[in-house]
């Protein structure tokens, strides 16, 4: 849940606040609270800053089998945003760019046996870097080429980055044709390429190709790989909102048209 109040007291300042909870595979619960401020500087250009608190609450499986301690992280970030899209939900032209740098202070709270067994530090410093770039290029009538580039990286004073701090890759919002959050790493990057046919103000059909990369270092060494997914999809405006249906195939994995994954989503605004 996130709410933003634009033009607070008639000033060019937008204030927001949000809450998010993730229950991850019955191993831990992640809760995030945060506030953010956005200040438009010139046309299409803004500076965005936020502060948030993240809590990790593991159950016995996540704590003893995966070495996940109870922890709290307080972080702050600052970034810049440029947005010249003609429409946020179904753009046909324009560019979107966002990049931010975040620094966080993490406390591993216990239990002590987990911290001692896995040789975890009580105090940890994390730094994150985020970049997103989207291009929308009109070609023929009602047709658009959409190209998106994304990157995420975290550096930490911890010797081995725990699962809770790693980035997730795979699924509807990143690498279609693969399971949701199928891959994890301290560094991930992916690109989404689509050729779209515009069906209406909020509707479109398209073919896509997604390419993703992830990097992770653990006690057994370095794990990295490049994955490719491709397929087709639609966005349809309905009474409930914009319904998204994508059918993706993983290149080099199971063969056959029926071996893909169906990704379904819903976007609404109020």
C-alpha atoms as a PDB file:
ATOM      1  CA  UNK A   1       0.000   0.000   0.000  1.00  0.00           C
ATOM      2  CA  UNK A   2       1.315   3.455  -0.921  1.00  0.00           C
ATOM      3  CA  UNK A   3      -0.315   6.880  -0.882  1.00  0.00           C
ATOM      4  CA  UNK A   4       1.059  10.140  -2.272  1.00  0.00           C
ATOM      5  CA  UNK A   5      -0.305  13.624  -1.594  1.00  0.00           C
ATOM      6  CA  UNK A   6       0.643  16.005  -4.444  1.00  0.00           C
ATOM      7  CA  UNK A   7       1.298  19.722  -4.048  1.00  0.00           C
ATOM      8  CA  UNK A   8       1.284  19.830  -0.243  1.00  0.00           C
ATOM      9  CA  UNK A   9       0.028  23.245   0.999  1.00  0.00           C
ATOM     10  CA  UNK A  10       0.104  24.478  -2.594  1.00  0.00           C
ATOM     11  CA  UNK A  11       3.867  23.989  -2.812  1.00  0.00           C
ATOM     12  CA  UNK A  12       5.646  21.970  -5.525  1.00  0.00           C
ATOM     13  CA  UNK A  13       6.329  19.147  -3.070  1.00  0.00           C
ATOM     14  CA  UNK A  14       4.760  15.672  -3.134  1.00  0.00           C
ATOM     15  CA  UNK A  15       4.725  13.618   0.081  1.00  0.00           C
ATOM     16  CA  UNK A  16       4.062   9.893   0.275  1.00  0.00           C
ATOM     17  CA  UNK A  17       3.982   7.017   2.695  1.00  0.00           C
ATOM     18  CA  UNK A  18       3.654   3.281   2.377  1.00  0.00           C
ATOM     19  CA  UNK A  19       3.630  -0.166   3.937  1.00  0.00           C
ATOM     20  CA  UNK A  20       4.520  -3.529   2.411  1.00  0.00           C
ATOM     21  CA  UNK A  21       4.478  -7.060   3.815  1.00  0.00           C
ATOM     22  CA  UNK A  22       5.990 -10.130   2.174  1.00  0.00           C
ATOM     23  CA  UNK A  23       5.494 -13.682   3.434  1.00  0.00           C
ATOM     24  CA  UNK A  24       8.284 -15.639   1.780  1.00  0.00           C
ATOM     25  CA  UNK A  25       7.745 -19.399   1.412  1.00  0.00           C
ATOM     26  CA  UNK A  26       6.851 -19.859   5.108  1.00  0.00           C
ATOM     27  CA  UNK A  27      10.471 -19.052   6.044  1.00  0.00           C
ATOM     28  CA  UNK A  28      10.305 -15.369   6.998  1.00  0.00           C
ATOM     29  CA  UNK A  29       8.120 -12.271   6.991  1.00  0.00           C
ATOM     30  CA  UNK A  30       9.441  -8.974   5.656  1.00  0.00           C
ATOM     31  CA  UNK A  31       7.763  -5.711   6.634  1.00  0.00           C
ATOM     32  CA  UNK A  32       8.634  -2.311   5.175  1.00  0.00           C
ATOM     33  CA  UNK A  33       7.482   1.115   6.362  1.00  0.00           C
ATOM     34  CA  UNK A  34       8.554   4.296   4.633  1.00  0.00           C
ATOM     35  CA  UNK A  35       8.025   7.922   3.730  1.00  0.00           C
ATOM     36  CA  UNK A  36       9.142   9.727   0.579  1.00  0.00           C
ATOM     37  CA  UNK A  37       9.257  13.219  -0.854  1.00  0.00           C
ATOM     38  CA  UNK A  38       9.359  14.255  -4.511  1.00  0.00           C
ATOM     39  CA  UNK A  39      10.326  17.749  -5.640  1.00  0.00           C
ATOM     40  CA  UNK A  40       9.786  18.716  -9.307  1.00  0.00           C
ATOM     41  CA  UNK A  41      12.635  20.943 -10.477  1.00  0.00           C
ATOM     42  CA  UNK A  42      11.965  21.557 -14.164  1.00  0.00           C
ATOM     43  CA  UNK A  43       9.565  20.044 -16.696  1.00  0.00           C
ATOM     44  CA  UNK A  44       9.609  16.216 -16.508  1.00  0.00           C
ATOM     45  CA  UNK A  45      12.502  16.223 -13.998  1.00  0.00           C
ATOM     46  CA  UNK A  46      12.253  15.511 -10.235  1.00  0.00           C
ATOM     47  CA  UNK A  47      14.402  14.719  -7.220  1.00  0.00           C
ATOM     48  CA  UNK A  48      13.096  11.934  -4.983  1.00  0.00           C
ATOM     49  CA  UNK A  49      14.239  11.043  -1.460  1.00  0.00           C
ATOM     50  CA  UNK A  50      12.911   8.505   1.033  1.00  0.00           C
ATOM     51  CA  UNK A  51      13.539   6.959   4.416  1.00  0.00           C
ATOM     52  CA  UNK A  52      12.288   3.517   5.425  1.00  0.00           C
ATOM     53  CA  UNK A  53      12.560   0.736   7.965  1.00  0.00           C
ATOM     54  CA  UNK A  54      12.653  -2.961   7.049  1.00  0.00           C
ATOM     55  CA  UNK A  55      12.066  -5.743   9.582  1.00  0.00           C
ATOM     56  CA  UNK A  56      12.827  -9.443   8.986  1.00  0.00           C
ATOM     57  CA  UNK A  57      10.961 -11.948  11.165  1.00  0.00           C
ATOM     58  CA  UNK A  58      12.078 -15.536  10.446  1.00  0.00           C
ATOM     59  CA  UNK A  59      10.292 -18.644  11.613  1.00  0.00           C
ATOM     60  CA  UNK A  60      12.152 -21.688  12.915  1.00  0.00           C
ATOM     61  CA  UNK A  61      12.781 -23.086   9.406  1.00  0.00           C
ATOM     62  CA  UNK A  62      14.217 -19.846   8.038  1.00  0.00           C
ATOM     63  CA  UNK A  63      16.261 -19.261  11.170  1.00  0.00           C
ATOM     64  CA  UNK A  64      17.835 -22.693  11.728  1.00  0.00           C
ATOM     65  CA  UNK A  65      17.913 -24.165   8.192  1.00  0.00           C
ATOM     66  CA  UNK A  66      18.761 -21.028   6.199  1.00  0.00           C
ATOM     67  CA  UNK A  67      20.589 -19.007   8.852  1.00  0.00           C
ATOM     68  CA  UNK A  68      18.235 -16.025   8.696  1.00  0.00           C
ATOM     69  CA  UNK A  69      18.341 -13.943  11.913  1.00  0.00           C
ATOM     70  CA  UNK A  70      15.768 -11.457  13.107  1.00  0.00           C
ATOM     71  CA  UNK A  71      16.948  -8.063  11.859  1.00  0.00           C
ATOM     72  CA  UNK A  72      16.038  -4.403  11.410  1.00  0.00           C
ATOM     73  CA  UNK A  73      17.375  -2.055   8.738  1.00  0.00           C
ATOM     74  CA  UNK A  74      16.933   1.721   8.579  1.00  0.00           C
ATOM     75  CA  UNK A  75      17.868   3.224   5.225  1.00  0.00           C
ATOM     76  CA  UNK A  76      17.689   6.462   3.265  1.00  0.00           C
ATOM     77  CA  UNK A  77      17.977   7.074  -0.454  1.00  0.00           C
ATOM     78  CA  UNK A  78      18.065   9.908  -2.955  1.00  0.00           C
ATOM     79  CA  UNK A  79      17.433   9.702  -6.674  1.00  0.00           C
ATOM     80  CA  UNK A  80      16.507  11.561  -9.831  1.00  0.00           C
ATOM     81  CA  UNK A  81      13.627  10.923 -12.202  1.00  0.00           C
ATOM     82  CA  UNK A  82      12.923  12.053 -15.760  1.00  0.00           C
ATOM     83  CA  UNK A  83       9.557  11.240 -17.319  1.00  0.00           C
ATOM     84  CA  UNK A  84       8.447  12.419 -20.764  1.00  0.00           C
ATOM     85  CA  UNK A  85       5.960   9.600 -21.474  1.00  0.00           C
ATOM     86  CA  UNK A  86       2.678  10.666 -23.017  1.00  0.00           C
ATOM     87  CA  UNK A  87       0.800   8.184 -20.784  1.00  0.00           C
ATOM     88  CA  UNK A  88       1.966   6.331 -17.675  1.00  0.00           C
ATOM     89  CA  UNK A  89      -0.137   3.171 -18.196  1.00  0.00           C
ATOM     90  CA  UNK A  90      -0.067   2.748 -21.982  1.00  0.00           C
ATOM     91  CA  UNK A  91       2.676   5.005 -23.384  1.00  0.00           C
ATOM     92  CA  UNK A  92       3.191   5.406 -27.108  1.00  0.00           C
ATOM     93  CA  UNK A  93       6.158   7.789 -26.989  1.00  0.00           C
ATOM     94  CA  UNK A  94       8.637   9.246 -24.536  1.00  0.00           C
ATOM     95  CA  UNK A  95      11.382   8.245 -22.095  1.00  0.00           C
ATOM     96  CA  UNK A  96      11.351   7.282 -18.424  1.00  0.00           C
ATOM     97  CA  UNK A  97      14.581   7.347 -16.396  1.00  0.00           C
ATOM     98  CA  UNK A  98      15.163   6.744 -12.698  1.00  0.00           C
ATOM     99  CA  UNK A  99      18.304   6.157 -10.670  1.00  0.00           C
ATOM    100  CA  UNK A 100      18.924   6.173  -6.930  1.00  0.00           C
ATOM    101  CA  UNK A 101      21.573   5.478  -4.314  1.00  0.00           C
ATOM    102  CA  UNK A 102      20.623   4.083  -0.906  1.00  0.00           C
ATOM    103  CA  UNK A 103      22.578   3.593   2.294  1.00  0.00           C
ATOM    104  CA  UNK A 104      21.322   1.503   5.198  1.00  0.00           C
ATOM    105  CA  UNK A 105      22.282   0.496   8.719  1.00  0.00           C
ATOM    106  CA  UNK A 106      21.273  -3.058   9.637  1.00  0.00           C
ATOM    107  CA  UNK A 107      21.140  -4.722  13.057  1.00  0.00           C
ATOM    108  CA  UNK A 108      21.121  -8.512  13.385  1.00  0.00           C
ATOM    109  CA  UNK A 109      19.111  -9.075  16.571  1.00  0.00           C
ATOM    110  CA  UNK A 110      19.421 -12.810  17.066  1.00  0.00           C
ATOM    111  CA  UNK A 111      18.952 -15.433  18.233  1.00  0.00           C
ATOM    112  CA  UNK A 112      22.550 -15.559  19.435  1.00  0.00           C
ATOM    113  CA  UNK A 113      23.061 -19.189  18.374  1.00  0.00           C
ATOM    114  CA  UNK A 114      22.267 -18.306  14.751  1.00  0.00           C
ATOM    115  CA  UNK A 115      24.586 -15.293  14.770  1.00  0.00           C
ATOM    116  CA  UNK A 116      27.409 -17.365  16.298  1.00  0.00           C
ATOM    117  CA  UNK A 117      26.868 -20.442  14.085  1.00  0.00           C
ATOM    118  CA  UNK A 118      26.807 -18.484  10.829  1.00  0.00           C
ATOM    119  CA  UNK A 119      29.406 -15.921  12.007  1.00  0.00           C
ATOM    120  CA  UNK A 120      27.138 -12.933  11.394  1.00  0.00           C
ATOM    121  CA  UNK A 121      27.997  -9.356  12.290  1.00  0.00           C
ATOM    122  CA  UNK A 122      25.753  -7.517  14.732  1.00  0.00           C
ATOM    123  CA  UNK A 123      26.088  -4.227  12.848  1.00  0.00           C
ATOM    124  CA  UNK A 124      26.038  -4.169   9.043  1.00  0.00           C
ATOM    125  CA  UNK A 125      26.268  -1.396   6.453  1.00  0.00           C
ATOM    126  CA  UNK A 126      24.511  -1.864   3.111  1.00  0.00           C
ATOM    127  CA  UNK A 127      24.567   0.251  -0.030  1.00  0.00           C
ATOM    128  CA  UNK A 128      22.201  -0.171  -2.978  1.00  0.00           C
ATOM    129  CA  UNK A 129      22.175   1.189  -6.519  1.00  0.00           C
ATOM    130  CA  UNK A 130      19.093   1.211  -8.768  1.00  0.00           C
ATOM    131  CA  UNK A 131      18.665   2.260 -12.395  1.00  0.00           C
ATOM    132  CA  UNK A 132      15.631   2.039 -14.715  1.00  0.00           C
ATOM    133  CA  UNK A 133      15.407   3.319 -18.303  1.00  0.00           C
ATOM    134  CA  UNK A 134      12.362   2.915 -20.573  1.00  0.00           C
ATOM    135  CA  UNK A 135      12.114   3.989 -24.221  1.00  0.00           C
ATOM    136  CA  UNK A 136       8.876   4.129 -26.253  1.00  0.00           C
ATOM    137  CA  UNK A 137       9.330   4.597 -29.981  1.00  0.00           C
ATOM    138  CA  UNK A 138       6.306   4.852 -32.317  1.00  0.00           C
ATOM    139  CA  UNK A 139       6.754   3.076 -35.651  1.00  0.00           C
ATOM    140  CA  UNK A 140       3.624   2.655 -37.776  1.00  0.00           C
ATOM    141  CA  UNK A 141       0.037   3.593 -36.939  1.00  0.00           C
ATOM    142  CA  UNK A 142      -0.937   2.079 -33.548  1.00  0.00           C
ATOM    143  CA  UNK A 143       2.446   0.317 -33.268  1.00  0.00           C
ATOM    144  CA  UNK A 144       5.168   0.975 -30.701  1.00  0.00           C
ATOM    145  CA  UNK A 145       8.576  -0.451 -29.849  1.00  0.00           C
ATOM    146  CA  UNK A 146       9.099  -0.546 -26.063  1.00  0.00           C
ATOM    147  CA  UNK A 147      12.591  -1.125 -24.643  1.00  0.00           C
ATOM    148  CA  UNK A 148      13.300  -1.225 -20.894  1.00  0.00           C
ATOM    149  CA  UNK A 149      16.662  -1.576 -19.132  1.00  0.00           C
ATOM    150  CA  UNK A 150      16.958  -2.269 -15.386  1.00  0.00           C
ATOM    151  CA  UNK A 151      19.809  -2.796 -12.952  1.00  0.00           C
ATOM    152  CA  UNK A 152      20.115  -3.494  -9.214  1.00  0.00           C
ATOM    153  CA  UNK A 153      23.189  -3.971  -7.036  1.00  0.00           C
ATOM    154  CA  UNK A 154      23.876  -4.214  -3.313  1.00  0.00           C
ATOM    155  CA  UNK A 155      27.223  -4.086  -1.518  1.00  0.00           C
ATOM    156  CA  UNK A 156      27.475  -5.082   2.135  1.00  0.00           C
ATOM    157  CA  UNK A 157      29.975  -5.425   4.944  1.00  0.00           C
ATOM    158  CA  UNK A 158      28.584  -8.924   5.559  1.00  0.00           C
ATOM    159  CA  UNK A 159      30.838 -11.687   4.291  1.00  0.00           C
ATOM    160  CA  UNK A 160      27.915 -13.616   2.795  1.00  0.00           C
ATOM    161  CA  UNK A 161      24.819 -11.703   1.800  1.00  0.00           C
ATOM    162  CA  UNK A 162      21.682 -13.343   3.278  1.00  0.00           C
ATOM    163  CA  UNK A 163      18.683 -14.274   1.141  1.00  0.00           C
ATOM    164  CA  UNK A 164      16.608 -11.479   2.670  1.00  0.00           C
ATOM    165  CA  UNK A 165      18.910  -8.787   1.259  1.00  0.00           C
ATOM    166  CA  UNK A 166      19.381 -10.269  -2.200  1.00  0.00           C
ATOM    167  CA  UNK A 167      17.468  -9.039  -5.223  1.00  0.00           C
ATOM    168  CA  UNK A 168      14.918 -11.310  -6.891  1.00  0.00           C
ATOM    169  CA  UNK A 169      14.687 -11.974 -10.622  1.00  0.00           C
ATOM    170  CA  UNK A 170      12.037 -13.813 -12.592  1.00  0.00           C
ATOM    171  CA  UNK A 171       8.324 -13.591 -13.250  1.00  0.00           C
ATOM    172  CA  UNK A 172       5.755 -11.046 -14.359  1.00  0.00           C
ATOM    173  CA  UNK A 173       7.682  -7.841 -13.680  1.00  0.00           C
ATOM    174  CA  UNK A 174      11.154  -8.875 -14.813  1.00  0.00           C
ATOM    175  CA  UNK A 175      11.876 -12.147 -16.626  1.00  0.00           C
ATOM    176  CA  UNK A 176       8.760 -13.742 -18.082  1.00  0.00           C
ATOM    177  CA  UNK A 177       8.839 -17.453 -18.871  1.00  0.00           C
ATOM    178  CA  UNK A 178      10.359 -18.179 -15.439  1.00  0.00           C
ATOM    179  CA  UNK A 179       8.795 -18.558 -11.988  1.00  0.00           C
ATOM    180  CA  UNK A 180       8.265 -15.565  -9.747  1.00  0.00           C
ATOM    181  CA  UNK A 181      11.533 -14.689  -7.963  1.00  0.00           C
ATOM    182  CA  UNK A 182      13.169 -17.849  -9.334  1.00  0.00           C
ATOM    183  CA  UNK A 183      16.686 -16.363  -9.165  1.00  0.00           C
ATOM    184  CA  UNK A 184      18.435 -14.247  -6.523  1.00  0.00           C
ATOM    185  CA  UNK A 185      21.661 -12.312  -6.362  1.00  0.00           C
ATOM    186  CA  UNK A 186      23.562  -9.315  -5.057  1.00  0.00           C
ATOM    187  CA  UNK A 187      23.499  -7.955  -8.599  1.00  0.00           C
ATOM    188  CA  UNK A 188      20.800  -8.383 -11.234  1.00  0.00           C
ATOM    189  CA  UNK A 189      20.077  -6.783 -14.595  1.00  0.00           C
ATOM    190  CA  UNK A 190      17.366  -7.364 -17.161  1.00  0.00           C
ATOM    191  CA  UNK A 191      15.924  -5.923 -20.325  1.00  0.00           C
ATOM    192  CA  UNK A 192      12.354  -6.153 -21.642  1.00  0.00           C
ATOM    193  CA  UNK A 193      11.785  -5.725 -25.376  1.00  0.00           C
ATOM    194  CA  UNK A 194       8.241  -5.526 -26.746  1.00  0.00           C
ATOM    195  CA  UNK A 195       6.630  -4.808 -30.089  1.00  0.00           C
ATOM    196  CA  UNK A 196       3.169  -3.483 -29.295  1.00  0.00           C
ATOM    197  CA  UNK A 197      -0.062  -3.011 -31.196  1.00  0.00           C
ATOM    198  CA  UNK A 198      -2.281  -0.453 -29.493  1.00  0.00           C
ATOM    199  CA  UNK A 199      -5.865  -1.688 -29.169  1.00  0.00           C
ATOM    200  CA  UNK A 200      -7.254   1.258 -27.196  1.00  0.00           C
ATOM    201  CA  UNK A 201      -6.407   3.978 -24.645  1.00  0.00           C
ATOM    202  CA  UNK A 202      -5.502   1.344 -22.016  1.00  0.00           C
ATOM    203  CA  UNK A 203      -5.258  -1.846 -24.098  1.00  0.00           C
ATOM    204  CA  UNK A 204      -2.547  -3.432 -26.250  1.00  0.00           C
ATOM    205  CA  UNK A 205      -1.269  -6.719 -27.643  1.00  0.00           C
ATOM    206  CA  UNK A 206       2.439  -7.485 -28.019  1.00  0.00           C
ATOM    207  CA  UNK A 207       5.244  -9.959 -28.490  1.00  0.00           C
ATOM    208  CA  UNK A 208       8.214  -9.797 -26.137  1.00  0.00           C
ATOM    209  CA  UNK A 209      11.745 -10.953 -25.426  1.00  0.00           C
ATOM    210  CA  UNK A 210      13.239 -10.634 -21.933  1.00  0.00           C
ATOM    211  CA  UNK A 211      16.920 -11.106 -21.086  1.00  0.00           C
ATOM    212  CA  UNK A 212      18.054 -11.337 -17.453  1.00  0.00           C
ATOM    213  CA  UNK A 213      21.372 -11.724 -15.620  1.00  0.00           C
ATOM    214  CA  UNK A 214      22.057 -12.444 -11.951  1.00  0.00           C
ATOM    215  CA  UNK A 215      25.213 -12.660  -9.841  1.00  0.00           C
ATOM    216  CA  UNK A 216      25.604 -14.114  -6.347  1.00  0.00           C
ATOM    217  CA  UNK A 217      28.597 -15.046  -4.199  1.00  0.00           C
ATOM    218  CA  UNK A 218      28.260 -17.565  -1.368  1.00  0.00           C
ATOM    219  CA  UNK A 219      30.374 -19.997   0.638  1.00  0.00           C
ATOM    220  CA  UNK A 220      30.482 -22.390  -2.346  1.00  0.00           C
ATOM    221  CA  UNK A 221      31.742 -19.750  -4.780  1.00  0.00           C
ATOM    222  CA  UNK A 222      30.222 -17.471  -7.390  1.00  0.00           C
ATOM    223  CA  UNK A 223      26.929 -18.223  -9.135  1.00  0.00           C
ATOM    224  CA  UNK A 224      25.978 -16.246 -12.234  1.00  0.00           C
ATOM    225  CA  UNK A 225      23.911 -16.905 -15.328  1.00  0.00           C
ATOM    226  CA  UNK A 226      22.138 -15.312 -18.284  1.00  0.00           C
ATOM    227  CA  UNK A 227      18.499 -16.253 -18.961  1.00  0.00           C
ATOM    228  CA  UNK A 228      16.187 -15.496 -21.899  1.00  0.00           C
ATOM    229  CA  UNK A 229      12.400 -15.580 -22.031  1.00  0.00           C
ATOM    230  CA  UNK A 230      10.070 -14.834 -24.942  1.00  0.00           C
ATOM    231  CA  UNK A 231       6.378 -14.964 -25.770  1.00  0.00           C
ATOM    232  CA  UNK A 232       3.297 -12.813 -26.250  1.00  0.00           C
ATOM    233  CA  UNK A 233       0.727 -11.002 -24.136  1.00  0.00           C
ATOM    234  CA  UNK A 234      -2.128  -8.527 -23.859  1.00  0.00           C
ATOM    235  CA  UNK A 235      -3.223  -5.666 -21.611  1.00  0.00           C
ATOM    236  CA  UNK A 236      -7.011  -5.289 -21.599  1.00  0.00           C
ATOM    237  CA  UNK A 237      -9.039  -2.569 -19.906  1.00  0.00           C
ATOM    238  CA  UNK A 238     -11.833  -4.106 -17.830  1.00  0.00           C
ATOM    239  CA  UNK A 239     -14.243  -2.945 -15.140  1.00  0.00           C
ATOM    240  CA  UNK A 240     -11.774  -4.173 -12.490  1.00  0.00           C
ATOM    241  CA  UNK A 241      -8.788  -2.409 -14.027  1.00  0.00           C
ATOM    242  CA  UNK A 242      -6.159  -3.259 -16.607  1.00  0.00           C
ATOM    243  CA  UNK A 243      -5.835  -7.028 -16.862  1.00  0.00           C
ATOM    244  CA  UNK A 244      -2.435  -8.324 -17.940  1.00  0.00           C
ATOM    245  CA  UNK A 245      -1.956 -11.808 -19.409  1.00  0.00           C
ATOM    246  CA  UNK A 246       1.480 -12.919 -20.659  1.00  0.00           C
ATOM    247  CA  UNK A 247       2.541 -16.335 -21.931  1.00  0.00           C
ATOM    248  CA  UNK A 248       6.275 -16.844 -21.679  1.00  0.00           C
ATOM    249  CA  UNK A 249       8.707 -19.556 -22.707  1.00  0.00           C
ATOM    250  CA  UNK A 250      12.167 -20.062 -21.216  1.00  0.00           C
ATOM    251  CA  UNK A 251      14.824 -20.321 -23.912  1.00  0.00           C
ATOM    252  CA  UNK A 252      16.910 -23.473 -23.580  1.00  0.00           C
ATOM    253  CA  UNK A 253      14.623 -24.979 -20.914  1.00  0.00           C
ATOM    254  CA  UNK A 254      11.629 -27.265 -21.533  1.00  0.00           C
ATOM    255  CA  UNK A 255      10.736 -27.528 -25.200  1.00  0.00           C
ATOM    256  CA  UNK A 256       7.309 -27.197 -26.771  1.00  0.00           C
ATOM    257  CA  UNK A 257       4.672 -24.496 -27.001  1.00  0.00           C
ATOM    258  CA  UNK A 258       2.790 -25.863 -23.975  1.00  0.00           C
ATOM    259  CA  UNK A 259       5.841 -25.811 -21.692  1.00  0.00           C
ATOM    260  CA  UNK A 260       5.610 -22.087 -20.941  1.00  0.00           C
ATOM    261  CA  UNK A 261       4.274 -20.148 -17.962  1.00  0.00           C
ATOM    262  CA  UNK A 262       1.189 -17.943 -17.778  1.00  0.00           C
ATOM    263  CA  UNK A 263       1.677 -14.621 -15.966  1.00  0.00           C
ATOM    264  CA  UNK A 264      -1.456 -12.765 -14.850  1.00  0.00           C
ATOM    265  CA  UNK A 265      -1.658  -9.327 -13.230  1.00  0.00           C
ATOM    266  CA  UNK A 266      -4.091  -6.483 -12.513  1.00  0.00           C
ATOM    267  CA  UNK A 267      -3.419  -2.725 -12.431  1.00  0.00           C
ATOM    268  CA  UNK A 268      -5.977  -0.279 -11.089  1.00  0.00           C
ATOM    269  CA  UNK A 269      -5.993   3.364 -10.052  1.00  0.00           C
ATOM    270  CA  UNK A 270      -8.323   5.353  -7.828  1.00  0.00           C
END
